[in-house]
Amino acid sequence: MPNKLLDATFLQNECLSAPLPQDWQQLPEQALGKRRWLWLGLTLLPLAVLTLLIVLSDGELALYAMLGLVLLVGFLLQLWLPFQLARTRYLLRRQDFLLESGVWWRQAVLIPLTRVQHVTVSQGPLQKHYGLATLKVFTAGGVHAEAALVDIEYDEAQRLCQLLSQLIPQETLSDVA
């Protein structure tokens, strides 16, 4: 008995809009710069506090170990950020919106457009500096009542917001009103 899942005609007939690798959209290069600055800021604060404690405590050995640990963690996070960025992708199809993210623990969220209630675009100060935004898709109940796509280009976020708003079935809009 042949495997139905491996049959090309099954993929074409049953999985009407199967995403191809080239169809997925990735996060822009600016997202890496923004995330590096964010993590650098989060690393510098503990470094400053530990340095102050070392100066005030006459150089205790445990504080030097903590300082080394903070430096190591900050360095490893800077190396990890490109992998995180490359593993985040999204795809808008006619009937749904897919989000995938995660390096070790992968998360895939499929949002049927019939469940979408509304869409918002927001920008923080660092995102604004890099021309990035966060797109949030709010759905009707369920486990993932909200899905966020963080650090996409602002123009792309606006475009996706308009497209998602247009693709929401009209019966769900009339039910809300």
Protein backbone atom coordinates (compact mmCIF):
# COMPACT_ATOMS: atom_id res chain seq x y z
CA MET A 1 0.00 0.00 0.00
CA PRO A 2 1.61 3.28 -1.09
CA ASN A 3 2.11 6.09 1.41
CA LYS A 4 -0.60 8.66 0.67
CA LEU A 5 1.39 11.48 2.32
CA LEU A 6 4.29 11.05 -0.07
CA ASP A 7 2.10 11.08 -3.16
CA ALA A 8 2.53 14.37 -5.05
CA THR A 9 -1.10 14.43 -6.19
CA PHE A 10 -2.24 14.17 -2.57
CA LEU A 11 -0.13 17.21 -1.71
CA GLN A 12 -1.62 19.16 -4.60
CA ASN A 13 -5.22 18.11 -3.98
CA GLU A 14 -5.45 17.81 -0.18
CA CYS A 15 -2.93 20.44 0.97
CA LEU A 16 -4.15 23.19 -1.31
CA SER A 17 -1.74 25.86 -0.18
CA ALA A 18 1.23 23.95 1.25
CA PRO A 19 3.98 26.48 2.03
CA LEU A 20 7.12 26.10 -0.02
CA PRO A 21 10.44 27.16 1.54
CA GLN A 22 10.80 30.14 -0.80
CA ASP A 23 7.33 31.42 0.16
CA TRP A 24 8.24 32.05 3.81
CA GLN A 25 9.17 35.60 4.82
CA GLN A 26 12.12 36.18 7.17
CA LEU A 27 12.80 38.99 9.59
CA PRO A 28 14.89 41.86 8.16
CA GLU A 29 18.59 42.49 8.88
CA GLN A 30 17.73 45.55 11.00
CA ALA A 31 16.12 43.23 13.56
CA LEU A 32 19.54 41.77 14.37
CA GLY A 33 21.00 45.22 15.07
CA LYS A 34 18.05 46.16 17.27
CA ARG A 35 18.20 42.91 19.25
CA ARG A 36 21.96 43.21 19.70
CA TRP A 37 21.58 46.70 21.18
CA LEU A 38 18.81 45.43 23.46
CA TRP A 39 20.89 42.52 24.75
CA LEU A 40 23.96 44.73 25.09
CA GLY A 41 21.95 47.07 27.29
CA LEU A 42 20.66 44.17 29.36
CA THR A 43 24.23 42.89 29.77
CA LEU A 44 25.79 46.26 30.62
CA LEU A 45 23.46 46.93 33.55
CA PRO A 46 24.53 43.83 35.56
CA LEU A 47 28.15 44.51 34.57
CA ALA A 48 27.96 48.04 35.98
CA VAL A 49 26.35 46.80 39.22
CA LEU A 50 28.93 44.02 39.64
CA THR A 51 31.81 46.40 38.93
CA LEU A 52 30.49 48.78 41.57
CA LEU A 53 30.16 45.91 44.06
CA ILE A 54 33.72 44.77 43.33
CA VAL A 55 35.05 48.27 43.95
CA LEU A 56 33.07 48.65 47.18
CA SER A 57 33.90 45.17 48.54
CA ASP A 58 37.68 45.31 48.04
CA GLY A 59 37.60 42.75 45.20
CA GLU A 60 35.89 39.65 46.56
CA LEU A 61 36.61 36.57 44.46
CA ALA A 62 32.92 35.57 44.16
CA LEU A 63 32.10 38.91 42.59
CA TYR A 64 34.84 38.43 39.99
CA ALA A 65 33.34 35.03 39.17
CA MET A 66 29.90 36.62 38.79
CA LEU A 67 31.41 39.31 36.55
CA GLY A 68 32.96 36.61 34.35
CA LEU A 69 29.65 34.75 34.23
CA VAL A 70 27.74 37.86 33.14
CA LEU A 71 30.33 38.53 30.43
CA LEU A 72 30.12 34.92 29.21
CA VAL A 73 26.31 34.93 29.13
CA GLY A 74 26.28 38.28 27.29
CA PHE A 75 28.78 36.97 24.73
CA LEU A 76 26.83 33.74 24.18
CA LEU A 77 23.59 35.68 23.73
CA GLN A 78 25.23 37.84 21.08
CA LEU A 79 26.26 34.67 19.22
CA TRP A 80 22.76 33.16 19.61
CA LEU A 81 20.81 36.14 18.20
CA PRO A 82 21.50 35.44 14.48
CA PHE A 83 20.21 31.86 14.91
CA GLN A 84 17.06 33.16 16.61
CA LEU A 85 16.53 35.68 13.81
CA ALA A 86 17.02 33.10 11.05
CA ARG A 87 14.55 30.69 12.67
CA THR A 88 11.69 33.21 12.83
CA ARG A 89 9.51 33.31 9.75
CA TYR A 90 5.94 33.97 8.67
CA LEU A 91 3.62 33.30 5.77
CA LEU A 92 0.29 34.85 4.83
CA ARG A 93 -1.86 32.57 2.73
CA ARG A 94 -5.41 32.94 1.42
CA GLN A 95 -7.01 31.08 4.35
CA ASP A 96 -4.50 31.39 7.19
CA PHE A 97 -1.47 33.13 8.67
CA LEU A 98 1.48 31.03 9.85
CA LEU A 99 4.18 32.06 12.33
CA GLU A 100 7.21 29.94 13.22
CA SER A 101 9.93 30.73 15.72
CA GLY A 102 12.39 29.17 18.12
CA VAL A 103 15.89 27.75 17.97
CA TRP A 104 15.72 24.74 20.29
CA TRP A 105 12.01 24.68 21.04
CA ARG A 106 10.21 25.38 17.80
CA GLN A 107 6.78 26.97 17.94
CA ALA A 108 4.42 27.07 14.97
CA VAL A 109 1.19 29.04 15.15
CA LEU A 110 -1.43 28.66 12.43
CA ILE A 111 -4.14 31.33 12.57
CA PRO A 112 -7.18 30.67 10.38
CA LEU A 113 -8.38 33.99 8.97
CA THR A 114 -11.92 33.08 9.98
CA ARG A 115 -10.77 33.40 13.64
CA VAL A 116 -9.06 36.81 13.29
CA GLN A 117 -10.86 39.58 15.17
CA HIS A 118 -8.47 42.48 14.60
CA VAL A 119 -4.85 43.35 13.85
CA THR A 120 -2.61 46.04 15.37
CA VAL A 121 0.79 47.50 14.54
CA SER A 122 2.96 49.03 17.28
CA GLN A 123 6.48 50.43 17.59
CA GLY A 124 8.76 50.87 20.57
CA PRO A 125 11.51 53.53 20.61
CA LEU A 126 14.27 51.11 19.56
CA GLN A 127 12.04 49.61 16.87
CA LYS A 128 11.26 53.10 15.58
CA HIS A 129 14.98 53.88 15.33
CA TYR A 130 15.54 50.77 13.20
CA GLY A 131 12.32 51.12 11.15
CA LEU A 132 10.77 48.01 12.69
CA ALA A 133 7.38 47.22 14.23
CA THR A 134 5.35 44.53 15.99
CA LEU A 135 2.28 43.07 14.29
CA LYS A 136 -0.28 41.56 16.65
CA VAL A 137 -3.09 39.37 15.40
CA PHE A 138 -5.97 38.89 17.83
CA THR A 139 -8.19 35.85 17.39
CA ALA A 140 -11.47 34.62 18.79
CA GLY A 141 -10.55 32.67 21.92
CA GLY A 142 -8.51 29.52 21.88
CA VAL A 143 -5.07 28.79 23.31
CA HIS A 144 -3.32 31.47 21.28
CA ALA A 145 -5.83 34.32 21.40
CA GLU A 146 -3.03 36.65 20.36
CA ALA A 147 0.00 36.10 18.13
CA ALA A 148 2.79 38.63 17.74
CA LEU A 149 5.32 39.02 14.97
CA VAL A 150 8.09 41.12 16.49
CA ASP A 151 10.71 43.16 14.59
CA ILE A 152 9.39 43.14 11.05
CA GLU A 153 9.85 46.19 8.84
CA TYR A 154 7.31 48.90 9.61
CA ASP A 155 6.07 49.12 5.99
CA GLU A 156 5.69 45.33 5.87
CA ALA A 157 3.74 45.40 9.14
CA GLN A 158 1.38 48.03 7.71
CA ARG A 159 0.98 46.02 4.50
CA LEU A 160 0.25 42.80 6.41
CA CYS A 161 -2.21 44.65 8.64
CA GLN A 162 -4.13 45.89 5.60
CA LEU A 163 -4.02 42.51 3.87
CA LEU A 164 -5.18 40.67 6.98
CA SER A 165 -7.98 43.17 7.47
CA GLN A 166 -9.12 42.66 3.87
CA LEU A 167 -8.89 38.87 4.09
CA ILE A 168 -10.99 38.59 7.26
CA PRO A 169 -14.28 37.03 6.13
CA GLN A 170 -17.08 39.60 6.13
CA GLU A 171 -19.45 37.44 8.19
CA THR A 172 -17.11 37.73 11.18
CA LEU A 173 -17.09 41.51 10.81
CA SER A 174 -20.91 41.68 10.70
CA ASP A 175 -21.13 39.37 13.76
CA VAL A 176 -19.03 41.83 15.79
CA ALA A 177 -21.07 44.89 14.73
